[in-house]
PDB file of N, CA and C in Angstrom:
ATOM      1  N   UNK A   1      12.904  13.335  -8.751  1.00  0.00           N
ATOM      2  CA  UNK A   1      12.364  12.326  -9.651  1.00  0.00           C
ATOM      3  C   UNK A   1      11.924  11.111  -8.851  1.00  0.00           C
ATOM      4  N   UNK A   2      10.751  10.605  -9.185  1.00  0.00           N
ATOM      5  CA  UNK A   2      10.234   9.419  -8.525  1.00  0.00           C
ATOM      6  C   UNK A   2      10.861   8.177  -9.138  1.00  0.00           C
ATOM      7  N   UNK A   3      11.125   7.218  -8.294  1.00  0.00           N
ATOM      8  CA  UNK A   3      11.674   5.948  -8.764  1.00  0.00           C
ATOM      9  C   UNK A   3      10.590   5.155  -9.498  1.00  0.00           C
ATOM     10  N   UNK A   4       9.357   5.155  -8.942  1.00  0.00           N
ATOM     11  CA  UNK A   4       8.245   4.419  -9.533  1.00  0.00           C
ATOM     12  C   UNK A   4       7.104   5.403  -9.733  1.00  0.00           C
ATOM     13  N   UNK A   5       6.580   5.491 -10.937  1.00  0.00           N
ATOM     14  CA  UNK A   5       5.479   6.395 -11.243  1.00  0.00           C
ATOM     15  C   UNK A   5       4.284   5.586 -11.724  1.00  0.00           C
ATOM     16  N   UNK A   6       3.138   5.780 -11.096  1.00  0.00           N
ATOM     17  CA  UNK A   6       1.911   5.107 -11.528  1.00  0.00           C
ATOM     18  C   UNK A   6       1.445   5.699 -12.858  1.00  0.00           C
ATOM     19  N   UNK A   7       0.751   4.900 -13.640  1.00  0.00           N
ATOM     20  CA  UNK A   7       0.200   5.364 -14.914  1.00  0.00           C
ATOM     21  C   UNK A   7      -1.284   5.038 -14.975  1.00  0.00           C
ATOM     22  N   UNK A   8      -1.996   5.788 -15.813  1.00  0.00           N
ATOM     23  CA  UNK A   8      -3.425   5.529 -16.018  1.00  0.00           C
ATOM     24  C   UNK A   8      -4.219   5.704 -14.739  1.00  0.00           C
ATOM     25  N   UNK A   9      -5.082   4.724 -14.445  1.00  0.00           N
ATOM     26  CA  UNK A   9      -5.936   4.791 -13.260  1.00  0.00           C
ATOM     27  C   UNK A   9      -5.390   3.919 -12.127  1.00  0.00           C
ATOM     28  N   UNK A  10      -4.068   3.858 -12.017  1.00  0.00           N
ATOM     29  CA  UNK A  10      -3.432   3.053 -10.979  1.00  0.00           C
ATOM     30  C   UNK A  10      -2.774   3.952  -9.937  1.00  0.00           C
ATOM     31  N   UNK A  11      -2.585   3.385  -8.740  1.00  0.00           N
ATOM     32  CA  UNK A  11      -1.848   4.061  -7.679  1.00  0.00           C
ATOM     33  C   UNK A  11      -0.779   3.119  -7.157  1.00  0.00           C
ATOM     34  N   UNK A  12       0.289   3.686  -6.635  1.00  0.00           N
ATOM     35  CA  UNK A  12       1.338   2.897  -5.993  1.00  0.00           C
ATOM     36  C   UNK A  12       1.252   3.179  -4.509  1.00  0.00           C
ATOM     37  N   UNK A  13       1.197   2.094  -3.729  1.00  0.00           N
ATOM     38  CA  UNK A  13       0.979   2.176  -2.295  1.00  0.00           C
ATOM     39  C   UNK A  13       2.127   1.497  -1.560  1.00  0.00           C
ATOM     40  N   UNK A  14       2.579   2.118  -0.485  1.00  0.00           N
ATOM     41  CA  UNK A  14       3.500   1.443   0.424  1.00  0.00           C
ATOM     42  C   UNK A  14       2.627   0.878   1.541  1.00  0.00           C
ATOM     43  N   UNK A  15       2.454  -0.454   1.556  1.00  0.00           N
ATOM     44  CA  UNK A  15       1.536  -1.057   2.526  1.00  0.00           C
ATOM     45  C   UNK A  15       2.073  -0.995   3.946  1.00  0.00           C
ATOM     46  N   UNK A  16       1.143  -0.935   4.898  1.00  0.00           N
ATOM     47  CA  UNK A  16       1.502  -1.064   6.309  1.00  0.00           C
ATOM     48  C   UNK A  16       1.671  -2.553   6.597  1.00  0.00           C
ATOM     49  N   UNK A  17       2.894  -2.967   6.781  1.00  0.00           N
ATOM     50  CA  UNK A  17       3.189  -4.362   7.090  1.00  0.00           C
ATOM     51  C   UNK A  17       3.182  -4.501   8.612  1.00  0.00           C
ATOM     52  N   UNK A  18       2.361  -5.405   9.154  1.00  0.00           N
ATOM     53  CA  UNK A  18       2.327  -5.577  10.611  1.00  0.00           C
ATOM     54  C   UNK A  18       3.696  -5.975  11.151  1.00  0.00           C
ATOM     55  N   UNK A  19       4.019  -5.454  12.335  1.00  0.00           N
ATOM     56  CA  UNK A  19       5.285  -5.788  12.968  1.00  0.00           C
ATOM     57  C   UNK A  19       5.307  -7.260  13.359  1.00  0.00           C
ATOM     58  N   UNK A  20       6.469  -7.875  13.243  1.00  0.00           N
ATOM     59  CA  UNK A  20       6.619  -9.276  13.629  1.00  0.00           C
ATOM     60  C   UNK A  20       7.364  -9.437  14.949  1.00  0.00           C
ATOM     61  N   UNK A  21       7.888  -8.328  15.471  1.00  0.00           N
ATOM     62  CA  UNK A  21       8.541  -8.350  16.779  1.00  0.00           C
ATOM     63  C   UNK A  21       8.124  -7.117  17.567  1.00  0.00           C
ATOM     64  N   UNK A  22       8.150  -7.253  18.887  1.00  0.00           N
ATOM     65  CA  UNK A  22       7.864  -6.108  19.738  1.00  0.00           C
ATOM     66  C   UNK A  22       9.137  -5.295  19.912  1.00  0.00           C
ATOM     67  N   UNK A  23       9.014  -4.127  20.534  1.00  0.00           N
ATOM     68  CA  UNK A  23      10.192  -3.287  20.765  1.00  0.00           C
ATOM     69  C   UNK A  23      11.218  -3.976  21.651  1.00  0.00           C
ATOM     70  N   UNK A  24      10.750  -4.881  22.533  1.00  0.00           N
ATOM     71  CA  UNK A  24      11.678  -5.585  23.416  1.00  0.00           C
ATOM     72  C   UNK A  24      12.257  -6.847  22.785  1.00  0.00           C
ATOM     73  N   UNK A  25      11.847  -7.166  21.524  1.00  0.00           N
ATOM     74  CA  UNK A  25      12.429  -8.294  20.809  1.00  0.00           C
ATOM     75  C   UNK A  25      11.618  -9.571  20.814  1.00  0.00           C
ATOM     76  N   UNK A  26      10.422  -9.548  21.398  1.00  0.00           N
ATOM     77  CA  UNK A  26       9.568 -10.743  21.406  1.00  0.00           C
ATOM     78  C   UNK A  26       9.007 -10.941  20.009  1.00  0.00           C
ATOM     79  N   UNK A  27       9.136 -12.168  19.489  1.00  0.00           N
ATOM     80  CA  UNK A  27       8.656 -12.483  18.140  1.00  0.00           C
ATOM     81  C   UNK A  27       7.168 -12.795  18.205  1.00  0.00           C
ATOM     82  N   UNK A  28       6.400 -12.094  17.398  1.00  0.00           N
ATOM     83  CA  UNK A  28       4.960 -12.313  17.304  1.00  0.00           C
ATOM     84  C   UNK A  28       4.686 -13.280  16.165  1.00  0.00           C
ATOM     85  N   UNK A  29       3.886 -14.288  16.425  1.00  0.00           N
ATOM     86  CA  UNK A  29       3.558 -15.251  15.372  1.00  0.00           C
ATOM     87  C   UNK A  29       2.060 -15.255  15.119  1.00  0.00           C
ATOM     88  N   UNK A  30       1.711 -15.616  13.916  1.00  0.00           N
ATOM     89  CA  UNK A  30       0.315 -15.751  13.525  1.00  0.00           C
ATOM     90  C   UNK A  30       0.179 -17.061  12.772  1.00  0.00           C
ATOM     91  N   UNK A  31      -1.002 -17.643  12.847  1.00  0.00           N
ATOM     92  CA  UNK A  31      -1.244 -18.872  12.114  1.00  0.00           C
ATOM     93  C   UNK A  31      -1.237 -18.595  10.616  1.00  0.00           C
ATOM     94  N   UNK A  32      -1.962 -17.573  10.205  1.00  0.00           N
ATOM     95  CA  UNK A  32      -2.007 -17.197   8.785  1.00  0.00           C
ATOM     96  C   UNK A  32      -1.931 -15.682   8.684  1.00  0.00           C
ATOM     97  N   UNK A  33      -0.782 -15.141   8.351  1.00  0.00           N
ATOM     98  CA  UNK A  33      -0.678 -13.683   8.248  1.00  0.00           C
ATOM     99  C   UNK A  33      -1.583 -13.138   7.149  1.00  0.00           C
ATOM    100  N   UNK A  34      -2.184 -11.988   7.431  1.00  0.00           N
ATOM    101  CA  UNK A  34      -3.093 -11.375   6.469  1.00  0.00           C
ATOM    102  C   UNK A  34      -2.320 -10.517   5.465  1.00  0.00           C
ATOM    103  N   UNK A  35      -2.891 -10.387   4.296  1.00  0.00           N
ATOM    104  CA  UNK A  35      -2.340  -9.472   3.299  1.00  0.00           C
ATOM    105  C   UNK A  35      -2.682  -8.062   3.773  1.00  0.00           C
ATOM    106  N   UNK A  36      -1.723  -7.143   3.801  1.00  0.00           N
ATOM    107  CA  UNK A  36      -2.012  -5.777   4.262  1.00  0.00           C
ATOM    108  C   UNK A  36      -3.120  -5.139   3.431  1.00  0.00           C
ATOM    109  N   UNK A  37      -3.999  -4.373   4.095  1.00  0.00           N
ATOM    110  CA  UNK A  37      -5.068  -3.690   3.362  1.00  0.00           C
ATOM    111  C   UNK A  37      -5.096  -2.196   3.626  1.00  0.00           C
ATOM    112  N   UNK A  38      -4.009  -1.670   4.221  1.00  0.00           N
ATOM    113  CA  UNK A  38      -3.891  -0.232   4.464  1.00  0.00           C
ATOM    114  C   UNK A  38      -2.503   0.219   4.040  1.00  0.00           C
ATOM    115  N   UNK A  39      -2.399   1.476   3.638  1.00  0.00           N
ATOM    116  CA  UNK A  39      -1.089   1.987   3.267  1.00  0.00           C
ATOM    117  C   UNK A  39      -1.147   3.428   2.815  1.00  0.00           C
ATOM    118  N   UNK A  40       0.028   3.946   2.469  1.00  0.00           N
ATOM    119  CA  UNK A  40       0.181   5.332   2.039  1.00  0.00           C
ATOM    120  C   UNK A  40       0.376   5.376   0.528  1.00  0.00           C
ATOM    121  N   UNK A  41      -0.354   6.256  -0.130  1.00  0.00           N
ATOM    122  CA  UNK A  41      -0.233   6.424  -1.577  1.00  0.00           C
ATOM    123  C   UNK A  41       1.048   7.205  -1.877  1.00  0.00           C
ATOM    124  N   UNK A  42       1.912   6.607  -2.690  1.00  0.00           N
ATOM    125  CA  UNK A  42       3.170   7.247  -3.061  1.00  0.00           C
ATOM    126  C   UNK A  42       3.112   7.916  -4.425  1.00  0.00           C
ATOM    127  N   UNK A  43       2.268   7.380  -5.309  1.00  0.00           N
ATOM    128  CA  UNK A  43       2.199   7.902  -6.669  1.00  0.00           C
ATOM    129  C   UNK A  43       0.815   7.620  -7.234  1.00  0.00           C
ATOM    130  N   UNK A  44       0.292   8.557  -8.022  1.00  0.00           N
ATOM    131  CA  UNK A  44      -1.003   8.361  -8.674  1.00  0.00           C
ATOM    132  C   UNK A  44      -0.848   8.556 -10.180  1.00  0.00           C
ATOM    133  N   UNK A  45      -1.601   7.787 -10.928  1.00  0.00           N
ATOM    134  CA  UNK A  45      -1.587   7.906 -12.379  1.00  0.00           C
ATOM    135  C   UNK A  45      -2.346   9.139 -12.841  1.00  0.00           C
ATOM    136  N   UNK A  46      -2.193   9.482 -14.115  1.00  0.00           N
ATOM    137  CA  UNK A  46      -2.798  10.702 -14.652  1.00  0.00           C
ATOM    138  C   UNK A  46      -4.317  10.640 -14.774  1.00  0.00           C
ATOM    139  N   UNK A  47      -4.927   9.465 -14.647  1.00  0.00           N
ATOM    140  CA  UNK A  47      -6.387   9.350 -14.735  1.00  0.00           C
ATOM    141  C   UNK A  47      -7.050   9.176 -13.369  1.00  0.00           C
ATOM    142  N   UNK A  48      -6.281   9.231 -12.303  1.00  0.00           N
ATOM    143  CA  UNK A  48      -6.823   9.103 -10.952  1.00  0.00           C
ATOM    144  C   UNK A  48      -7.381  10.451 -10.522  1.00  0.00           C
ATOM    145  N   UNK A  49      -8.631  10.451 -10.025  1.00  0.00           N
ATOM    146  CA  UNK A  49      -9.300  11.703  -9.705  1.00  0.00           C
ATOM    147  C   UNK A  49      -9.441  11.969  -8.210  1.00  0.00           C
ATOM    148  N   UNK A  50      -9.786  10.977  -7.416  1.00  0.00           N
ATOM    149  CA  UNK A  50     -10.172  11.212  -6.025  1.00  0.00           C
ATOM    150  C   UNK A  50      -9.069  10.961  -5.009  1.00  0.00           C
ATOM    151  N   UNK A  51      -7.934  10.457  -5.423  1.00  0.00           N
ATOM    152  CA  UNK A  51      -6.852  10.089  -4.514  1.00  0.00           C
ATOM    153  C   UNK A  51      -5.641  10.952  -4.838  1.00  0.00           C
ATOM    154  N   UNK A  52      -4.896  11.329  -3.785  1.00  0.00           N
ATOM    155  CA  UNK A  52      -3.674  12.100  -4.024  1.00  0.00           C
ATOM    156  C   UNK A  52      -2.514  11.478  -3.253  1.00  0.00           C
ATOM    157  N   UNK A  53      -1.326  11.836  -3.644  1.00  0.00           N
ATOM    158  CA  UNK A  53      -0.137  11.335  -2.973  1.00  0.00           C
ATOM    159  C   UNK A  53      -0.176  11.726  -1.500  1.00  0.00           C
ATOM    160  N   UNK A  54       0.212  10.802  -0.639  1.00  0.00           N
ATOM    161  CA  UNK A  54       0.206  11.047   0.797  1.00  0.00           C
ATOM    162  C   UNK A  54      -1.051  10.586   1.495  1.00  0.00           C
ATOM    163  N   UNK A  55      -2.124  10.284   0.740  1.00  0.00           N
ATOM    164  CA  UNK A  55      -3.354   9.782   1.362  1.00  0.00           C
ATOM    165  C   UNK A  55      -3.085   8.435   2.020  1.00  0.00           C
ATOM    166  N   UNK A  56      -3.667   8.229   3.201  1.00  0.00           N
ATOM    167  CA  UNK A  56      -3.614   6.940   3.899  1.00  0.00           C
ATOM    168  C   UNK A  56      -4.922   6.245   3.568  1.00  0.00           C
ATOM    169  N   UNK A  57      -4.847   5.089   2.931  1.00  0.00           N
ATOM    170  CA  UNK A  57      -6.044   4.458   2.366  1.00  0.00           C
ATOM    171  C   UNK A  57      -6.261   3.039   2.892  1.00  0.00           C
ATOM    172  N   UNK A  58      -7.501   2.592   2.745  1.00  0.00           N
ATOM    173  CA  UNK A  58      -7.873   1.187   2.921  1.00  0.00           C
ATOM    174  C   UNK A  58      -8.239   0.690   1.534  1.00  0.00           C
ATOM    175  N   UNK A  59      -7.720  -0.482   1.171  1.00  0.00           N
ATOM    176  CA  UNK A  59      -7.979  -1.010  -0.164  1.00  0.00           C
ATOM    177  C   UNK A  59      -8.292  -2.493  -0.093  1.00  0.00           C
ATOM    178  N   UNK A  60      -8.934  -2.987  -1.124  1.00  0.00           N
ATOM    179  CA  UNK A  60      -9.206  -4.411  -1.253  1.00  0.00           C
ATOM    180  C   UNK A  60      -7.867  -5.090  -1.519  1.00  0.00           C
ATOM    181  N   UNK A  61      -7.412  -5.981  -0.615  1.00  0.00           N
ATOM    182  CA  UNK A  61      -6.057  -6.520  -0.747  1.00  0.00           C
ATOM    183  C   UNK A  61      -5.859  -7.515  -1.887  1.00  0.00           C
ATOM    184  N   UNK A  62      -6.916  -7.995  -2.459  1.00  0.00           N
ATOM    185  CA  UNK A  62      -6.755  -8.950  -3.558  1.00  0.00           C
ATOM    186  C   UNK A  62      -7.614  -8.510  -4.722  1.00  0.00           C
ATOM    187  N   UNK A  63      -7.169  -8.439  -5.888  1.00  0.00           N
ATOM    188  CA  UNK A  63      -5.801  -8.682  -6.323  1.00  0.00           C
ATOM    189  C   UNK A  63      -4.979  -7.387  -6.322  1.00  0.00           C
ATOM    190  N   UNK A  64      -3.719  -7.497  -6.034  1.00  0.00           N
ATOM    191  CA  UNK A  64      -2.777  -6.388  -6.150  1.00  0.00           C
ATOM    192  C   UNK A  64      -1.522  -6.912  -6.837  1.00  0.00           C
ATOM    193  N   UNK A  65      -0.794  -6.018  -7.448  1.00  0.00           N
ATOM    194  CA  UNK A  65       0.505  -6.373  -8.011  1.00  0.00           C
ATOM    195  C   UNK A  65       1.554  -5.925  -7.007  1.00  0.00           C
ATOM    196  N   UNK A  66       2.369  -6.850  -6.563  1.00  0.00           N
ATOM    197  CA  UNK A  66       3.388  -6.554  -5.566  1.00  0.00           C
ATOM    198  C   UNK A  66       4.751  -6.486  -6.237  1.00  0.00           C
ATOM    199  N   UNK A  67       5.503  -5.439  -5.901  1.00  0.00           N
ATOM    200  CA  UNK A  67       6.867  -5.326  -6.411  1.00  0.00           C
ATOM    201  C   UNK A  67       7.785  -4.968  -5.247  1.00  0.00           C
ATOM    202  N   UNK A  68       9.041  -5.329  -5.364  1.00  0.00           N
ATOM    203  CA  UNK A  68      10.027  -4.982  -4.343  1.00  0.00           C
ATOM    204  C   UNK A  68      11.126  -4.162  -5.001  1.00  0.00           C
ATOM    205  N   UNK A  69      11.528  -3.118  -4.293  1.00  0.00           N
ATOM    206  CA  UNK A  69      12.611  -2.272  -4.777  1.00  0.00           C
ATOM    207  C   UNK A  69      13.425  -1.835  -3.571  1.00  0.00           C
ATOM    208  N   UNK A  70      14.710  -2.152  -3.574  1.00  0.00           N
ATOM    209  CA  UNK A  70      15.619  -1.818  -2.472  1.00  0.00           C
ATOM    210  C   UNK A  70      15.057  -2.253  -1.124  1.00  0.00           C
ATOM    211  N   UNK A  71      14.671  -3.512  -1.036  1.00  0.00           N
ATOM    212  CA  UNK A  71      14.180  -4.126   0.205  1.00  0.00           C
ATOM    213  C   UNK A  71      12.879  -3.526   0.735  1.00  0.00           C
ATOM    214  N   UNK A  72      12.147  -2.820  -0.095  1.00  0.00           N
ATOM    215  CA  UNK A  72      10.849  -2.277   0.295  1.00  0.00           C
ATOM    216  C   UNK A  72       9.794  -2.824  -0.658  1.00  0.00           C
ATOM    217  N   UNK A  73       8.653  -3.252  -0.079  1.00  0.00           N
ATOM    218  CA  UNK A  73       7.565  -3.789  -0.893  1.00  0.00           C
ATOM    219  C   UNK A  73       6.566  -2.687  -1.213  1.00  0.00           C
ATOM    220  N   UNK A  74       6.120  -2.658  -2.462  1.00  0.00           N
ATOM    221  CA  UNK A  74       5.112  -1.718  -2.921  1.00  0.00           C
ATOM    222  C   UNK A  74       3.994  -2.490  -3.597  1.00  0.00           C
ATOM    223  N   UNK A  75       2.777  -1.940  -3.538  1.00  0.00           N
ATOM    224  CA  UNK A  75       1.638  -2.520  -4.234  1.00  0.00           C
ATOM    225  C   UNK A  75       1.197  -1.551  -5.330  1.00  0.00           C
ATOM    226  N   UNK A  76       0.842  -2.101  -6.474  1.00  0.00           N
ATOM    227  CA  UNK A  76       0.241  -1.321  -7.552  1.00  0.00           C
ATOM    228  C   UNK A  76      -1.192  -1.806  -7.677  1.00  0.00           C
ATOM    229  N   UNK A  77      -2.140  -0.882  -7.581  1.00  0.00           N
ATOM    230  CA  UNK A  77      -3.536  -1.296  -7.677  1.00  0.00           C
ATOM    231  C   UNK A  77      -4.347  -0.243  -8.417  1.00  0.00           C
ATOM    232  N   UNK A  78      -5.490  -0.677  -8.912  1.00  0.00           N
ATOM    233  CA  UNK A  78      -6.395   0.234  -9.620  1.00  0.00           C
ATOM    234  C   UNK A  78      -7.107   1.125  -8.611  1.00  0.00           C
ATOM    235  N   UNK A  79      -7.400   2.343  -9.012  1.00  0.00           N
ATOM    236  CA  UNK A  79      -8.109   3.280  -8.153  1.00  0.00           C
ATOM    237  C   UNK A  79      -9.425   2.681  -7.647  1.00  0.00           C
ATOM    238  N   UNK A  80     -10.088   1.892  -8.467  1.00  0.00           N
ATOM    239  CA  UNK A  80     -11.380   1.304  -8.087  1.00  0.00           C
ATOM    240  C   UNK A  80     -11.248   0.305  -6.934  1.00  0.00           C
ATOM    241  N   UNK A  81     -10.041  -0.155  -6.605  1.00  0.00           N
ATOM    242  CA  UNK A  81      -9.826  -1.101  -5.501  1.00  0.00           C
ATOM    243  C   UNK A  81      -9.734  -0.376  -4.162  1.00  0.00           C
ATOM    244  N   UNK A  82      -9.665   0.958  -4.193  1.00  0.00           N
ATOM    245  CA  UNK A  82      -9.567   1.738  -2.958  1.00  0.00           C
ATOM    246  C   UNK A  82     -10.949   1.877  -2.345  1.00  0.00           C
ATOM    247  N   UNK A  83     -11.041   1.509  -1.064  1.00  0.00           N
ATOM    248  CA  UNK A  83     -12.334   1.502  -0.374  1.00  0.00           C
ATOM    249  C   UNK A  83     -12.572   2.811   0.364  1.00  0.00           C
ATOM    250  N   UNK A  84     -11.527   3.358   1.011  1.00  0.00           N
ATOM    251  CA  UNK A  84     -11.713   4.567   1.828  1.00  0.00           C
ATOM    252  C   UNK A  84     -10.381   5.288   2.017  1.00  0.00           C
ATOM    253  N   UNK A  85     -10.487   6.571   2.338  1.00  0.00           N
ATOM    254  CA  UNK A  85      -9.337   7.374   2.741  1.00  0.00           C
ATOM    255  C   UNK A  85      -9.457   7.601   4.239  1.00  0.00           C
ATOM    256  N   UNK A  86      -8.384   7.356   4.972  1.00  0.00           N
ATOM    257  CA  UNK A  86      -8.383   7.561   6.418  1.00  0.00           C
ATOM    258  C   UNK A  86      -7.795   8.942   6.693  1.00  0.00           C
ATOM    259  N   UNK A  87      -8.562   9.770   7.374  1.00  0.00           N
ATOM    260  CA  UNK A  87      -8.081  11.105   7.748  1.00  0.00           C
ATOM    261  C   UNK A  87      -7.393  11.005   9.096  1.00  0.00           C
ATOM    262  N   UNK A  88      -6.115  11.347   9.102  1.00  0.00           N
ATOM    263  CA  UNK A  88      -5.353  11.259  10.365  1.00  0.00           C
ATOM    264  C   UNK A  88      -5.303  12.608  11.032  1.00  0.00           C
TER     265      UNK A  88
END
């Protein structure tokens, strides 16, 4: 059973959050951190046609609905906000 299930023409994405430290522990800083625009699709609604679970996508980062569950951030967005699927 999925903890979060998308409905309608929405998808739930686990965004790729840029690392803030290197493997050796050096803290990376940025003047203005960007909103993530890539991630993995975890759930698709019943009206979504072109996207499937597990797809790695690029999406328009604004606007998205952000939710947190068990210390993990997820984005809920409309299928129309997805720009491309990245084939790995």
